[in-house]
Amino acid sequence: MNIRTILVGAFVVVIAFIGASALLNLLWPATTPLQQGRPALVAVPPLQPLTGTSTVLAPAAIALGAIRELTGRATFRLYGL
């Protein structure tokens, strides 16, 4: 790329930014009419605190050998094997 191409590209970007800014200023409404149509804000009472219980799910790693041993013991106890 030569310097002329870079300068033309930068000029196009600057002109596009200036044009977009000017167009937004012309088409966008001023801030004062927006304030006139808004309702007055009223104070709201605070919300009631929550009284329920929470449940937390957390990942856990349990060895298969420990599961096998506990189920084996429970089987002997339940079925008398």
C-alpha atoms as a PDB file:
ATOM      1  CA  MET A   1       0.000   0.000   0.000  1.00  0.00           C
ATOM      2  CA  ASN A   2       1.234   3.445  -0.700  1.00  0.00           C
ATOM      3  CA  ILE A   3       0.776   6.490   1.484  1.00  0.00           C
ATOM      4  CA  ARG A   4      -1.825   8.017  -0.837  1.00  0.00           C
ATOM      5  CA  THR A   5      -4.213   5.074  -0.359  1.00  0.00           C
ATOM      6  CA  ILE A   6      -3.851   5.288   3.408  1.00  0.00           C
ATOM      7  CA  LEU A   7      -4.517   9.034   3.431  1.00  0.00           C
ATOM      8  CA  VAL A   8      -7.591   8.679   1.181  1.00  0.00           C
ATOM      9  CA  GLY A   9      -8.947   5.934   3.471  1.00  0.00           C
ATOM     10  CA  ALA A  10      -8.381   8.023   6.590  1.00  0.00           C
ATOM     11  CA  PHE A  11     -10.044  11.010   4.902  1.00  0.00           C
ATOM     12  CA  VAL A  12     -13.096   8.887   4.001  1.00  0.00           C
ATOM     13  CA  VAL A  13     -13.372   7.652   7.592  1.00  0.00           C
ATOM     14  CA  VAL A  14     -13.153  11.191   9.015  1.00  0.00           C
ATOM     15  CA  ILE A  15     -15.741  12.549   6.552  1.00  0.00           C
ATOM     16  CA  ALA A  16     -18.086   9.628   7.320  1.00  0.00           C
ATOM     17  CA  PHE A  17     -17.782  10.280  11.073  1.00  0.00           C
ATOM     18  CA  ILE A  18     -18.435  14.017  10.672  1.00  0.00           C
ATOM     19  CA  GLY A  19     -21.384  13.349   8.372  1.00  0.00           C
ATOM     20  CA  ALA A  20     -22.909  10.795  10.735  1.00  0.00           C
ATOM     21  CA  SER A  21     -22.514  13.156  13.699  1.00  0.00           C
ATOM     22  CA  ALA A  22     -24.134  16.033  11.791  1.00  0.00           C
ATOM     23  CA  LEU A  23     -27.001  13.815  10.636  1.00  0.00           C
ATOM     24  CA  LEU A  24     -27.628  12.568  14.180  1.00  0.00           C
ATOM     25  CA  ASN A  25     -27.715  16.134  15.482  1.00  0.00           C
ATOM     26  CA  LEU A  26     -30.281  17.077  12.845  1.00  0.00           C
ATOM     27  CA  LEU A  27     -32.553  14.052  13.185  1.00  0.00           C
ATOM     28  CA  TRP A  28     -32.308  13.246  16.895  1.00  0.00           C
ATOM     29  CA  PRO A  29     -34.702  15.226  19.118  1.00  0.00           C
ATOM     30  CA  ALA A  30     -33.302  17.685  21.626  1.00  0.00           C
ATOM     31  CA  THR A  31     -33.188  16.710  25.285  1.00  0.00           C
ATOM     32  CA  THR A  32     -35.783  19.225  26.538  1.00  0.00           C
ATOM     33  CA  PRO A  33     -38.853  17.715  24.770  1.00  0.00           C
ATOM     34  CA  LEU A  34     -37.955  14.305  26.169  1.00  0.00           C
ATOM     35  CA  GLN A  35     -38.094  15.626  29.732  1.00  0.00           C
ATOM     36  CA  GLN A  36     -41.574  17.157  29.283  1.00  0.00           C
ATOM     37  CA  GLY A  37     -43.428  13.888  28.609  1.00  0.00           C
ATOM     38  CA  ARG A  38     -42.035  11.895  31.510  1.00  0.00           C
ATOM     39  CA  PRO A  39     -44.180  11.195  34.586  1.00  0.00           C
ATOM     40  CA  ALA A  40     -43.048  12.273  38.035  1.00  0.00           C
ATOM     41  CA  LEU A  41     -41.168   9.672  40.049  1.00  0.00           C
ATOM     42  CA  VAL A  42     -42.834   8.475  43.241  1.00  0.00           C
ATOM     43  CA  ALA A  43     -41.096   6.813  46.194  1.00  0.00           C
ATOM     44  CA  VAL A  44     -41.839   3.092  46.444  1.00  0.00           C
ATOM     45  CA  PRO A  45     -41.899   1.173  49.762  1.00  0.00           C
ATOM     46  CA  PRO A  46     -39.119  -1.398  50.222  1.00  0.00           C
ATOM     47  CA  LEU A  47     -39.771  -5.033  49.363  1.00  0.00           C
ATOM     48  CA  GLN A  48     -40.482  -7.602  52.058  1.00  0.00           C
ATOM     49  CA  PRO A  49     -37.492  -9.821  52.960  1.00  0.00           C
ATOM     50  CA  LEU A  50     -37.518 -13.402  51.706  1.00  0.00           C
ATOM     51  CA  THR A  51     -38.293 -16.036  54.326  1.00  0.00           C
ATOM     52  CA  GLY A  52     -37.819 -19.209  52.280  1.00  0.00           C
ATOM     53  CA  THR A  53     -34.887 -21.592  52.396  1.00  0.00           C
ATOM     54  CA  SER A  54     -32.251 -21.893  49.716  1.00  0.00           C
ATOM     55  CA  THR A  55     -30.775 -24.991  48.142  1.00  0.00           C
ATOM     56  CA  VAL A  56     -27.232 -24.982  46.831  1.00  0.00           C
ATOM     57  CA  LEU A  57     -26.162 -27.568  44.266  1.00  0.00           C
ATOM     58  CA  ALA A  58     -22.433 -28.171  44.165  1.00  0.00           C
ATOM     59  CA  PRO A  59     -20.477 -30.699  42.109  1.00  0.00           C
ATOM     60  CA  ALA A  60     -18.965 -33.558  44.090  1.00  0.00           C
ATOM     61  CA  ALA A  61     -16.527 -36.339  43.194  1.00  0.00           C
ATOM     62  CA  ILE A  62     -17.175 -39.697  44.906  1.00  0.00           C
ATOM     63  CA  ALA A  63     -14.973 -42.701  44.197  1.00  0.00           C
ATOM     64  CA  LEU A  64     -16.717 -45.716  42.653  1.00  0.00           C
ATOM     65  CA  GLY A  65     -15.040 -47.996  45.177  1.00  0.00           C
ATOM     66  CA  ALA A  66     -16.679 -46.127  48.058  1.00  0.00           C
ATOM     67  CA  ILE A  67     -20.103 -46.385  46.389  1.00  0.00           C
ATOM     68  CA  ARG A  68     -19.568 -50.109  45.768  1.00  0.00           C
ATOM     69  CA  GLU A  69     -18.561 -50.726  49.391  1.00  0.00           C
ATOM     70  CA  LEU A  70     -21.507 -48.816  50.872  1.00  0.00           C
ATOM     71  CA  THR A  71     -24.087 -50.430  48.582  1.00  0.00           C
ATOM     72  CA  GLY A  72     -22.598 -53.842  49.384  1.00  0.00           C
ATOM     73  CA  ARG A  73     -22.930 -53.243  53.119  1.00  0.00           C
ATOM     74  CA  ALA A  74     -26.482 -51.914  52.709  1.00  0.00           C
ATOM     75  CA  THR A  75     -27.466 -54.969  50.654  1.00  0.00           C
ATOM     76  CA  PHE A  76     -26.298 -57.360  53.376  1.00  0.00           C
ATOM     77  CA  ARG A  77     -28.115 -55.363  56.031  1.00  0.00           C
ATOM     78  CA  LEU A  78     -31.393 -55.045  54.085  1.00  0.00           C
ATOM     79  CA  TYR A  79     -31.695 -58.524  52.647  1.00  0.00           C
ATOM     80  CA  GLY A  80     -29.749 -60.513  55.230  1.00  0.00           C
ATOM     81  CA  LEU A  81     -27.383 -61.992  52.631  1.00  0.00           C
END
